[in-house]
N, C-alpha and C. Protein backbone atom coordinates (compact mmCIF):
# COMPACT_ATOMS: atom_id res chain seq x y z
N MET A 1 -1.29 -2.48 1.70
CA MET A 1 -1.55 -2.40 3.33
C MET A 1 -2.87 -3.30 3.63
N VAL A 2 -2.57 -3.95 4.60
CA VAL A 2 -3.70 -4.75 5.36
C VAL A 2 -4.15 -4.10 6.53
N TYR A 3 -5.54 -3.99 6.54
CA TYR A 3 -6.46 -3.29 7.64
C TYR A 3 -7.14 -4.25 8.34
N SER A 4 -7.22 -4.14 9.62
CA SER A 4 -8.28 -4.72 10.47
C SER A 4 -9.64 -4.63 10.03
N ARG A 5 -10.57 -5.52 9.95
CA ARG A 5 -11.94 -5.68 9.66
C ARG A 5 -12.85 -5.02 10.84
N LYS A 6 -12.08 -4.89 12.11
CA LYS A 6 -12.71 -4.50 13.39
C LYS A 6 -12.58 -3.03 13.37
N ILE A 7 -13.77 -2.61 13.69
CA ILE A 7 -14.27 -0.99 13.81
C ILE A 7 -15.21 -0.97 15.21
N ASP A 8 -14.68 -0.47 16.00
CA ASP A 8 -15.42 -0.30 17.35
C ASP A 8 -16.32 -1.58 17.59
N ALA A 9 -15.16 -2.68 17.78
CA ALA A 9 -15.49 -3.96 18.27
C ALA A 9 -16.37 -4.67 17.40
N LYS A 10 -16.80 -3.99 16.09
CA LYS A 10 -17.76 -4.73 15.22
C LYS A 10 -16.79 -5.19 13.79
N THR A 11 -17.05 -6.45 13.56
CA THR A 11 -16.39 -6.92 12.34
C THR A 11 -17.06 -6.69 10.96
N TYR A 12 -16.50 -6.12 10.14
CA TYR A 12 -16.94 -5.70 8.77
C TYR A 12 -16.39 -6.45 7.77
N THR A 13 -17.16 -6.67 6.51
CA THR A 13 -16.77 -7.17 5.27
C THR A 13 -16.69 -5.81 4.38
N PHE A 14 -15.41 -6.19 3.54
CA PHE A 14 -15.35 -5.08 2.36
C PHE A 14 -15.37 -5.59 0.86
N GLY A 15 -15.70 -4.74 0.12
CA GLY A 15 -15.50 -4.94 -1.40
C GLY A 15 -15.28 -3.77 -2.07
N VAL A 16 -14.74 -4.02 -3.36
CA VAL A 16 -14.50 -2.67 -4.11
C VAL A 16 -15.55 -2.03 -4.71
N SER A 17 -15.49 -0.91 -4.48
CA SER A 17 -16.71 -0.10 -4.84
C SER A 17 -16.71 0.16 -6.48
N GLY A 18 -15.85 0.08 -7.16
CA GLY A 18 -15.64 0.42 -8.51
C GLY A 18 -15.34 1.99 -8.62
N ARG A 19 -15.51 2.65 -7.58
CA ARG A 19 -15.46 4.11 -7.41
C ARG A 19 -14.12 4.77 -7.20
N LEU A 20 -13.61 5.81 -7.70
CA LEU A 20 -12.25 6.44 -7.30
C LEU A 20 -12.44 7.76 -6.37
N TYR A 21 -11.35 7.84 -5.61
CA TYR A 21 -11.19 9.27 -4.80
C TYR A 21 -9.78 9.59 -5.14
N LYS A 22 -9.46 10.81 -5.77
CA LYS A 22 -8.22 11.19 -6.00
C LYS A 22 -7.46 10.07 -6.77
N SER A 23 -8.22 9.47 -7.75
CA SER A 23 -7.63 8.64 -8.77
C SER A 23 -7.30 7.15 -7.83
N ASN A 24 -7.72 6.87 -6.64
CA ASN A 24 -7.50 5.84 -6.13
C ASN A 24 -8.61 5.14 -5.71
N VAL A 25 -8.61 3.70 -5.85
CA VAL A 25 -9.86 2.89 -5.58
C VAL A 25 -10.43 3.16 -4.15
N LEU A 26 -11.82 3.17 -4.06
CA LEU A 26 -12.61 3.19 -3.06
C LEU A 26 -13.14 1.83 -2.49
N LEU A 27 -12.89 1.41 -1.22
CA LEU A 27 -13.58 0.20 -0.75
C LEU A 27 -15.07 0.63 -0.12
N TYR A 28 -15.77 -0.43 0.00
CA TYR A 28 -17.11 0.10 0.70
C TYR A 28 -17.15 -1.29 1.61
N ASP A 29 -17.96 -0.82 2.69
CA ASP A 29 -18.29 -2.12 3.63
C ASP A 29 -19.84 -2.54 3.35
N HIS A 30 -19.99 -3.82 3.61
CA HIS A 30 -21.26 -4.57 3.02
C HIS A 30 -22.21 -4.08 4.25
N GLN A 31 -21.89 -3.72 5.59
CA GLN A 31 -22.98 -3.44 6.47
C GLN A 31 -23.58 -2.11 6.30
N THR A 32 -22.74 -1.15 5.93
CA THR A 32 -23.48 0.12 5.85
C THR A 32 -23.18 1.02 4.55
N GLU A 33 -22.51 0.12 3.52
CA GLU A 33 -22.32 0.79 2.38
C GLU A 33 -21.50 2.22 2.53
N SER A 34 -20.71 2.40 3.36
CA SER A 34 -19.86 3.44 3.58
C SER A 34 -18.81 3.35 2.62
N LEU A 35 -18.06 4.25 1.95
CA LEU A 35 -17.00 4.32 1.32
C LEU A 35 -15.72 4.58 1.96
N TRP A 36 -14.48 3.94 1.48
CA TRP A 36 -13.33 3.79 2.42
C TRP A 36 -12.20 4.00 1.50
N SER A 37 -11.36 5.13 1.84
CA SER A 37 -10.03 5.11 1.20
C SER A 37 -9.03 4.22 1.65
N GLN A 38 -8.47 3.55 0.90
CA GLN A 38 -7.33 2.55 1.56
C GLN A 38 -6.04 3.42 1.63
N LEU A 39 -5.98 4.54 0.76
CA LEU A 39 -4.73 5.39 1.21
C LEU A 39 -4.84 6.46 2.51
N LYS A 40 -5.87 6.73 2.62
CA LYS A 40 -6.41 7.56 3.90
C LYS A 40 -6.66 6.76 5.01
N ALA A 41 -6.95 5.53 4.77
CA ALA A 41 -7.42 4.48 5.96
C ALA A 41 -8.74 5.27 6.78
N GLN A 42 -9.48 5.48 6.04
CA GLN A 42 -10.70 6.15 6.62
C GLN A 42 -11.89 6.18 5.66
N ALA A 43 -13.12 6.19 6.28
CA ALA A 43 -14.31 6.27 5.70
C ALA A 43 -14.26 7.68 4.96
N VAL A 44 -14.59 8.05 3.86
CA VAL A 44 -14.80 9.54 3.27
C VAL A 44 -16.32 9.46 2.86
N ALA A 45 -17.27 8.77 2.98
CA ALA A 45 -18.61 8.94 2.73
C ALA A 45 -19.52 7.86 3.36
N GLY A 46 -20.66 8.20 3.79
CA GLY A 46 -21.56 7.33 4.39
C GLY A 46 -21.66 7.49 5.95
N PRO A 47 -22.45 6.47 6.55
CA PRO A 47 -22.63 6.38 8.02
C PRO A 47 -21.34 6.38 8.74
N LEU A 48 -20.53 5.73 8.17
CA LEU A 48 -19.12 5.66 8.95
C LEU A 48 -18.02 6.78 8.68
N ALA A 49 -18.48 7.65 8.01
CA ALA A 49 -17.43 8.80 7.37
C ALA A 49 -16.70 9.40 8.39
N GLY A 50 -15.43 9.38 8.47
CA GLY A 50 -14.55 9.90 9.48
C GLY A 50 -13.86 8.78 10.38
N ARG A 51 -14.53 7.44 10.29
CA ARG A 51 -13.92 6.50 11.22
C ARG A 51 -12.55 5.95 10.56
N ARG A 52 -11.70 5.49 11.09
CA ARG A 52 -10.46 5.14 10.53
C ARG A 52 -10.29 3.44 10.60
N LEU A 53 -9.52 3.02 9.59
CA LEU A 53 -8.98 1.66 9.77
C LEU A 53 -7.97 1.49 10.47
N THR A 54 -7.62 0.49 11.13
CA THR A 54 -6.27 0.03 11.87
C THR A 54 -5.40 -0.71 10.99
N ALA A 55 -4.19 -0.18 10.67
CA ALA A 55 -3.31 -0.92 9.76
C ALA A 55 -2.71 -2.00 10.69
N LEU A 56 -2.55 -3.15 9.82
CA LEU A 56 -1.80 -4.32 10.40
C LEU A 56 -0.56 -4.65 9.70
N PRO A 57 0.55 -4.96 10.33
CA PRO A 57 1.69 -5.25 9.79
C PRO A 57 1.37 -6.58 8.71
N SER A 58 2.12 -6.45 7.67
CA SER A 58 2.23 -7.49 6.56
C SER A 58 3.44 -7.67 5.67
N VAL A 59 3.75 -8.62 4.93
CA VAL A 59 4.83 -8.59 4.19
C VAL A 59 4.29 -8.97 2.56
N ARG A 60 5.01 -8.46 1.77
CA ARG A 60 4.80 -8.75 0.48
C ARG A 60 5.92 -9.53 -0.08
N SER A 61 5.71 -10.78 -0.92
CA SER A 61 6.78 -11.72 -1.03
C SER A 61 6.34 -12.41 -2.33
N ASP A 62 7.55 -12.50 -2.98
CA ASP A 62 7.29 -13.53 -4.32
C ASP A 62 7.09 -14.99 -3.86
N TRP A 63 6.49 -15.69 -4.83
CA TRP A 63 5.86 -17.14 -4.52
C TRP A 63 7.04 -17.96 -4.03
N LYS A 64 8.15 -17.88 -4.80
CA LYS A 64 9.38 -18.95 -4.68
C LYS A 64 9.62 -18.77 -3.06
N THR A 65 9.91 -17.49 -2.46
CA THR A 65 10.30 -16.96 -1.18
C THR A 65 9.26 -17.50 -0.07
N TRP A 66 8.00 -17.41 -0.42
CA TRP A 66 6.84 -17.53 0.50
C TRP A 66 6.89 -19.10 0.63
N ARG A 67 6.80 -19.71 -0.53
CA ARG A 67 6.54 -21.38 -0.48
C ARG A 67 7.78 -21.93 0.27
N ARG A 68 9.17 -21.34 -0.03
CA ARG A 68 10.19 -21.83 0.97
C ARG A 68 9.91 -21.68 2.48
N ARG A 69 9.43 -20.48 2.66
CA ARG A 69 9.45 -20.09 4.20
C ARG A 69 7.92 -20.75 4.67
N HIS A 70 6.98 -20.99 4.12
CA HIS A 70 5.85 -21.50 4.48
C HIS A 70 5.27 -22.72 3.55
N PRO A 71 5.89 -23.71 3.71
CA PRO A 71 5.59 -24.89 2.68
C PRO A 71 4.27 -25.35 2.83
N HIS A 72 3.21 -25.40 3.92
CA HIS A 72 2.22 -25.79 4.03
C HIS A 72 0.96 -24.70 3.61
N ALA A 73 1.47 -23.36 3.31
CA ALA A 73 0.50 -22.41 3.13
C ALA A 73 -0.74 -22.94 2.17
N ASP A 74 -1.82 -22.31 2.45
CA ASP A 74 -2.96 -22.57 1.59
C ASP A 74 -2.91 -21.21 0.65
N VAL A 75 -3.27 -21.77 -0.72
CA VAL A 75 -3.14 -20.80 -1.89
C VAL A 75 -4.78 -20.54 -2.23
N LEU A 76 -4.96 -19.26 -2.59
CA LEU A 76 -6.24 -18.74 -3.03
C LEU A 76 -6.58 -19.46 -4.48
N SER A 77 -7.74 -20.09 -4.51
CA SER A 77 -8.15 -20.75 -5.98
C SER A 77 -8.49 -19.74 -6.87
N VAL A 78 -8.30 -20.02 -8.10
CA VAL A 78 -8.97 -19.07 -9.31
C VAL A 78 -10.16 -19.72 -9.78
N ASP A 79 -10.57 -20.84 -8.88
CA ASP A 79 -11.89 -21.44 -9.52
C ASP A 79 -12.84 -20.91 -8.45
N THR A 80 -13.24 -19.66 -8.90
CA THR A 80 -14.35 -19.02 -8.38
C THR A 80 -15.64 -19.05 -8.65
N GLY A 81 -16.00 -19.80 -9.66
CA GLY A 81 -17.36 -19.98 -10.12
C GLY A 81 -17.73 -18.94 -11.17
N PHE A 82 -16.76 -17.97 -11.35
CA PHE A 82 -17.20 -16.82 -12.39
C PHE A 82 -16.29 -16.98 -13.69
N ALA A 83 -16.80 -16.79 -14.99
CA ALA A 83 -16.15 -16.96 -16.08
C ALA A 83 -15.22 -15.80 -16.14
N ARG A 84 -14.09 -15.93 -15.81
CA ARG A 84 -13.07 -14.75 -15.82
C ARG A 84 -11.76 -15.37 -15.80
N ASP A 85 -10.69 -14.46 -16.80
CA ASP A 85 -9.53 -15.01 -16.91
C ASP A 85 -8.59 -14.33 -15.97
N TYR A 86 -8.20 -15.04 -14.97
CA TYR A 86 -7.42 -14.09 -13.70
C TYR A 86 -6.16 -14.29 -14.09
N SER A 87 -5.63 -14.69 -15.21
CA SER A 87 -4.15 -14.47 -15.51
C SER A 87 -3.88 -13.39 -16.39
N ARG A 88 -5.11 -12.86 -17.07
CA ARG A 88 -5.03 -11.40 -17.55
C ARG A 88 -5.07 -10.29 -16.73
N ASP A 89 -4.23 -9.41 -16.79
CA ASP A 89 -4.34 -8.11 -15.88
C ASP A 89 -5.08 -7.00 -16.67
N PRO A 90 -6.11 -6.62 -16.27
CA PRO A 90 -7.20 -5.28 -16.90
C PRO A 90 -6.25 -4.17 -16.86
N TYR A 91 -5.26 -3.88 -15.72
CA TYR A 91 -4.47 -2.81 -15.93
C TYR A 91 -3.19 -2.83 -16.26
N ALA A 92 -2.83 -3.66 -17.52
CA ALA A 92 -1.81 -3.70 -18.05
C ALA A 92 -1.30 -2.48 -18.71
N GLY A 93 -2.27 -1.74 -19.49
CA GLY A 93 -2.06 -0.59 -20.35
C GLY A 93 -1.94 0.48 -19.26
N TYR A 94 -2.18 0.51 -18.23
CA TYR A 94 -2.44 1.70 -17.51
C TYR A 94 -0.91 1.61 -16.61
N TYR A 95 -0.37 0.73 -16.40
CA TYR A 95 1.11 0.47 -15.71
C TYR A 95 2.04 1.12 -16.71
N ARG A 96 1.99 0.85 -18.26
CA ARG A 96 2.82 1.33 -18.96
C ARG A 96 2.87 2.83 -19.54
N SER A 97 1.43 3.34 -19.22
CA SER A 97 1.23 4.81 -19.50
C SER A 97 1.73 5.58 -18.28
N GLY A 98 2.51 6.81 -19.01
CA GLY A 98 3.10 7.66 -18.02
C GLY A 98 1.92 8.53 -17.25
N SER A 99 0.87 8.62 -17.64
CA SER A 99 -0.05 9.51 -17.10
C SER A 99 -1.33 8.63 -16.30
N THR A 100 -2.09 9.64 -15.52
CA THR A 100 -3.02 8.99 -14.80
C THR A 100 -4.18 9.17 -15.85
N TRP A 101 -5.28 8.31 -15.53
CA TRP A 101 -6.47 8.18 -16.42
C TRP A 101 -7.52 9.06 -15.82
N PHE A 102 -7.56 9.37 -14.49
CA PHE A 102 -8.68 10.09 -13.73
C PHE A 102 -7.95 11.24 -13.17
N PRO A 103 -8.76 12.19 -12.76
CA PRO A 103 -8.08 13.39 -12.12
C PRO A 103 -7.53 13.02 -10.81
N VAL A 104 -6.71 13.56 -10.25
CA VAL A 104 -5.81 13.34 -9.06
C VAL A 104 -5.85 14.68 -8.12
N GLY A 105 -5.76 15.95 -9.03
CA GLY A 105 -5.53 16.95 -8.44
C GLY A 105 -4.21 17.36 -8.69
N ARG A 106 -3.41 18.31 -8.00
CA ARG A 106 -2.16 18.60 -8.15
C ARG A 106 -1.16 17.77 -7.82
N VAL A 107 -0.26 17.51 -8.68
CA VAL A 107 0.77 16.43 -8.20
C VAL A 107 2.22 17.11 -7.85
N ARG A 108 2.60 16.83 -6.69
CA ARG A 108 4.02 17.39 -6.63
C ARG A 108 5.12 16.82 -7.56
N ARG A 109 5.97 17.78 -7.89
CA ARG A 109 6.98 17.24 -9.00
C ARG A 109 8.24 16.43 -8.22
N ASP A 110 8.24 16.17 -6.94
CA ASP A 110 9.49 15.61 -6.44
C ASP A 110 9.95 14.33 -7.22
N LEU A 111 8.91 13.66 -7.61
CA LEU A 111 9.09 12.39 -8.58
C LEU A 111 8.24 12.38 -9.76
N ALA A 112 8.43 11.68 -10.59
CA ALA A 112 7.23 11.45 -11.82
C ALA A 112 6.21 10.95 -11.27
N ALA A 113 5.01 11.16 -11.75
CA ALA A 113 3.55 10.81 -11.11
C ALA A 113 3.32 9.50 -10.94
N LYS A 114 3.82 8.61 -11.73
CA LYS A 114 3.60 7.23 -11.74
C LYS A 114 5.07 6.52 -11.33
N ARG A 115 5.78 6.96 -10.62
CA ARG A 115 7.15 6.37 -10.06
C ARG A 115 6.54 5.61 -8.80
N GLN A 116 6.80 4.35 -8.65
CA GLN A 116 6.31 3.65 -7.58
C GLN A 116 7.18 3.80 -6.14
N VAL A 117 6.38 3.84 -5.39
CA VAL A 117 7.08 4.04 -3.98
C VAL A 117 6.65 3.07 -3.01
N LEU A 118 7.32 3.09 -1.98
CA LEU A 118 7.18 2.38 -0.82
C LEU A 118 6.64 3.40 0.20
N GLY A 119 5.38 3.56 0.78
CA GLY A 119 4.95 4.63 1.89
C GLY A 119 4.90 4.09 3.12
N ILE A 120 5.55 4.85 3.99
CA ILE A 120 5.48 4.56 5.33
C ILE A 120 5.13 5.71 6.15
N GLU A 121 4.22 5.68 6.99
CA GLU A 121 3.81 6.57 8.03
C GLU A 121 3.92 6.29 9.32
N VAL A 122 4.80 6.82 10.22
CA VAL A 122 5.01 6.62 11.82
C VAL A 122 4.54 7.78 12.58
N ASN A 123 3.80 7.61 13.19
CA ASN A 123 3.19 8.78 14.33
C ASN A 123 3.30 10.13 13.71
N GLY A 124 2.44 9.78 12.41
CA GLY A 124 1.85 11.18 11.48
C GLY A 124 3.01 11.73 10.68
N VAL A 125 3.97 11.08 10.48
CA VAL A 125 5.40 11.60 9.68
C VAL A 125 5.29 10.62 8.61
N ALA A 126 5.42 10.92 7.29
CA ALA A 126 5.28 10.16 6.14
C ALA A 126 6.63 10.46 5.15
N ARG A 127 6.60 9.44 4.83
CA ARG A 127 8.02 9.33 3.83
C ARG A 127 7.73 8.60 2.56
N ALA A 128 8.21 8.91 1.24
CA ALA A 128 8.06 7.92 0.10
C ALA A 128 9.63 7.40 0.03
N TYR A 129 9.64 6.29 -0.45
CA TYR A 129 10.86 5.57 -0.66
C TYR A 129 10.90 5.08 -2.21
N PRO A 130 11.44 5.53 -3.24
CA PRO A 130 11.28 5.22 -4.61
C PRO A 130 11.92 3.71 -4.75
N LEU A 131 10.92 2.88 -5.13
CA LEU A 131 11.21 1.53 -5.30
C LEU A 131 12.38 0.96 -6.02
N ASP A 132 12.57 1.72 -7.03
CA ASP A 132 13.68 1.58 -8.26
C ASP A 132 15.05 1.66 -7.66
N GLU A 133 15.15 2.44 -6.41
CA GLU A 133 16.39 2.64 -5.80
C GLU A 133 16.84 1.46 -5.09
N PHE A 134 15.77 0.63 -4.50
CA PHE A 134 16.12 -0.47 -3.84
C PHE A 134 16.76 -1.68 -4.62
N ARG A 135 16.67 -1.47 -5.87
CA ARG A 135 17.15 -2.63 -6.62
C ARG A 135 18.82 -2.41 -6.84
N ARG A 136 19.20 -1.41 -6.38
CA ARG A 136 20.49 -0.96 -6.30
C ARG A 136 21.23 -1.11 -5.26
N ARG A 137 20.39 -1.56 -3.98
CA ARG A 137 21.01 -1.48 -2.68
C ARG A 137 20.24 -2.52 -1.69
N PRO A 138 20.74 -3.78 -2.08
CA PRO A 138 20.23 -4.94 -1.25
C PRO A 138 20.67 -4.65 -0.03
N GLY A 139 20.17 -5.31 0.97
CA GLY A 139 20.46 -5.41 2.46
C GLY A 139 19.66 -4.59 3.37
N ILE A 140 20.11 -3.70 4.29
CA ILE A 140 19.36 -3.19 5.39
C ILE A 140 19.41 -1.61 5.04
N LEU A 141 18.38 -0.97 5.01
CA LEU A 141 18.47 0.57 4.83
C LEU A 141 17.81 0.92 6.28
N GLU A 142 18.63 1.69 6.77
CA GLU A 142 18.15 2.31 8.29
C GLU A 142 17.70 3.79 7.81
N ASP A 143 16.62 4.18 8.70
CA ASP A 143 16.25 5.62 8.47
C ASP A 143 15.73 6.06 9.70
N ARG A 144 15.22 7.17 9.65
CA ARG A 144 14.60 7.75 10.91
C ARG A 144 13.07 8.61 10.59
N LEU A 145 12.12 8.21 10.92
CA LEU A 145 10.94 9.15 10.59
C LEU A 145 10.60 9.71 12.05
N GLY A 146 10.75 11.23 11.82
CA GLY A 146 10.26 11.66 13.18
C GLY A 146 11.28 11.29 14.13
N ASN A 147 10.77 10.62 15.32
CA ASN A 147 11.56 10.32 16.41
C ASN A 147 11.69 8.58 16.17
N ALA A 148 11.04 8.31 15.27
CA ALA A 148 11.13 6.59 15.16
C ALA A 148 12.48 6.05 14.34
N ARG A 149 13.07 5.01 14.69
CA ARG A 149 14.08 4.55 13.88
C ARG A 149 13.33 3.21 13.09
N ILE A 150 13.80 3.12 11.70
CA ILE A 150 13.09 2.14 11.23
C ILE A 150 14.12 1.42 10.18
N ARG A 151 13.68 0.17 9.71
CA ARG A 151 14.83 -0.45 9.13
C ARG A 151 13.89 -1.22 7.83
N ILE A 152 14.48 -1.24 6.72
CA ILE A 152 13.91 -1.79 5.53
C ILE A 152 14.64 -2.72 4.96
N LYS A 153 14.02 -3.95 5.07
CA LYS A 153 15.21 -5.16 4.59
C LYS A 153 14.76 -5.45 3.16
N ILE A 154 15.71 -5.24 2.27
CA ILE A 154 15.84 -5.39 0.89
C ILE A 154 16.55 -6.61 0.58
N SER A 155 15.89 -7.46 -0.21
CA SER A 155 16.32 -8.89 -0.89
C SER A 155 17.47 -8.61 -1.72
N ASP A 156 18.11 -9.74 -2.22
CA ASP A 156 19.04 -9.70 -3.03
C ASP A 156 18.38 -9.29 -4.57
N ARG A 157 17.29 -9.39 -4.72
CA ARG A 157 16.79 -9.08 -5.87
C ARG A 157 16.09 -7.61 -5.80
N GLY A 158 16.35 -7.08 -4.92
CA GLY A 158 15.61 -5.70 -4.74
C GLY A 158 14.40 -5.41 -4.22
N GLN A 159 13.91 -6.45 -3.76
CA GLN A 159 12.43 -6.53 -3.30
C GLN A 159 12.36 -6.18 -1.73
N VAL A 160 11.40 -5.18 -1.32
CA VAL A 160 11.29 -5.02 0.09
C VAL A 160 10.63 -6.33 0.75
N ALA A 161 11.57 -6.92 1.51
CA ALA A 161 11.10 -8.09 2.48
C ALA A 161 10.74 -7.82 3.70
N ALA A 162 11.02 -6.69 4.49
CA ALA A 162 10.19 -6.32 5.50
C ALA A 162 10.36 -4.73 5.99
N VAL A 163 9.54 -4.19 6.61
CA VAL A 163 9.63 -2.98 7.22
C VAL A 163 9.39 -3.03 8.71
N GLN A 164 10.32 -2.64 9.32
CA GLN A 164 10.36 -2.95 10.87
C GLN A 164 10.76 -1.76 11.73
N ASP A 165 10.34 -1.74 12.96
CA ASP A 165 11.13 -0.70 13.91
C ASP A 165 12.14 -1.12 14.41
N ALA A 166 12.77 -0.35 15.62
CA ALA A 166 13.87 -0.42 15.93
C ALA A 166 13.86 -1.90 16.77
N ARG A 167 12.94 -2.22 17.16
CA ARG A 167 12.79 -3.56 17.85
C ARG A 167 12.53 -4.82 17.20
N GLY A 168 12.45 -4.55 15.73
CA GLY A 168 12.30 -5.65 14.88
C GLY A 168 10.91 -6.00 14.74
N ARG A 169 9.80 -5.27 15.16
CA ARG A 169 8.35 -5.47 14.86
C ARG A 169 8.13 -4.68 13.49
N LEU A 170 7.32 -5.87 12.72
CA LEU A 170 6.79 -5.21 11.63
C LEU A 170 6.09 -3.90 11.59
N LEU A 171 6.22 -3.02 10.66
CA LEU A 171 5.70 -1.65 10.53
C LEU A 171 4.54 -1.78 9.36
N PRO A 172 3.34 -1.11 9.51
CA PRO A 172 2.35 -1.20 8.44
C PRO A 172 3.32 -0.34 7.27
N HIS A 173 2.95 -0.63 6.07
CA HIS A 173 3.50 0.18 4.88
C HIS A 173 2.49 -0.11 3.69
N ILE A 174 2.76 0.75 2.79
CA ILE A 174 2.23 0.36 1.28
C ILE A 174 2.89 0.55 -0.06
N PHE A 175 2.60 0.16 -0.95
CA PHE A 175 3.13 0.21 -2.07
C PHE A 175 2.24 1.06 -3.06
N SER A 176 2.62 2.01 -3.82
CA SER A 176 1.97 3.09 -4.15
C SER A 176 2.62 3.82 -5.47
N TYR A 177 1.86 4.24 -6.33
CA TYR A 177 2.44 5.39 -7.35
C TYR A 177 2.61 6.49 -6.51
N TRP A 178 3.55 7.33 -6.68
CA TRP A 178 3.85 8.51 -6.27
C TRP A 178 2.74 9.89 -6.14
N PHE A 179 1.85 9.63 -7.14
CA PHE A 179 0.77 10.72 -7.18
C PHE A 179 -0.34 10.37 -6.35
N ALA A 180 -0.45 9.08 -5.94
CA ALA A 180 -1.45 8.51 -4.93
C ALA A 180 -1.05 8.84 -3.67
N TRP A 181 0.35 8.41 -3.29
CA TRP A 181 0.71 8.51 -2.03
C TRP A 181 0.66 10.06 -1.53
N GLN A 182 1.31 10.83 -2.54
CA GLN A 182 1.43 12.46 -2.09
C GLN A 182 0.11 13.18 -1.86
N ALA A 183 -1.00 12.65 -2.55
CA ALA A 183 -2.21 13.08 -2.72
C ALA A 183 -2.93 12.95 -1.52
N PHE A 184 -2.58 11.82 -0.64
CA PHE A 184 -3.15 11.57 0.71
C PHE A 184 -2.21 11.79 2.10
N HIS A 185 -0.89 12.17 1.47
CA HIS A 185 0.13 12.62 2.47
C HIS A 185 0.72 13.72 1.90
N PRO A 186 0.24 14.77 1.74
CA PRO A 186 0.55 16.18 1.38
C PRO A 186 1.93 16.51 1.75
N ARG A 187 2.19 16.39 3.13
CA ARG A 187 3.35 16.74 3.71
C ARG A 187 4.55 15.74 3.67
N THR A 188 4.29 14.74 3.07
CA THR A 188 5.36 13.50 2.97
C THR A 188 6.74 14.02 2.35
N SER A 189 7.69 13.46 3.04
CA SER A 189 9.20 13.71 2.30
C SER A 189 9.51 12.47 1.40
N VAL A 190 10.50 12.74 0.65
CA VAL A 190 10.92 11.69 -0.21
C VAL A 190 12.24 11.23 0.21
N TYR A 191 12.57 10.15 0.43
CA TYR A 191 13.82 9.58 0.93
C TYR A 191 14.91 9.51 -0.48
N LYS A 192 15.99 10.34 -0.02
CA LYS A 192 16.95 10.31 -0.91
C LYS A 192 18.18 9.52 -0.74
N ILE A 193 18.57 8.75 -1.18
CA ILE A 193 19.98 7.40 -0.95
C ILE A 193 21.06 8.45 -1.14
N PRO A 194 21.94 8.41 -0.02
CA PRO A 194 23.14 9.40 0.13
C PRO A 194 24.15 8.76 -0.94
């Protein structure tokens, strides 16, 4: 999920706090040191507690597709001045493990705790879409969340290419583990492919 850095007409800068809330990373803003939940889209502690972040539409793409569509795109450099191996994933063991490392509270049993989902919330109605189901069904998946019609474009390789409303506008969405999505969206439904 991508969020606007503007809150009440002021621009904030953010970093990773190293803290967790319901086993999900918390961000912090440099200006007030308030802690922000990325899945709740809200400050959970500090002077800005209760303030909400505004989600922005975004896309997730593999490099080959992105480069083809945007041949002049700038690429973030790994030459950061820090002695760190950015090719090594510090969470590789966590991905393979079937359990969470830190407490999250009660986890609904609709899906396995660490099953990956696409989370979408429109007008207060939330739904989780198991990502592995998309690999079997490339094309367009049409659904209704509350009174809103949505379209999920799925590439030939089973990747989510876009999430749009009925007019074709991009909708905010997030890729998450089931345990995290349901912790912050306790009334979420789970999409069942017919």
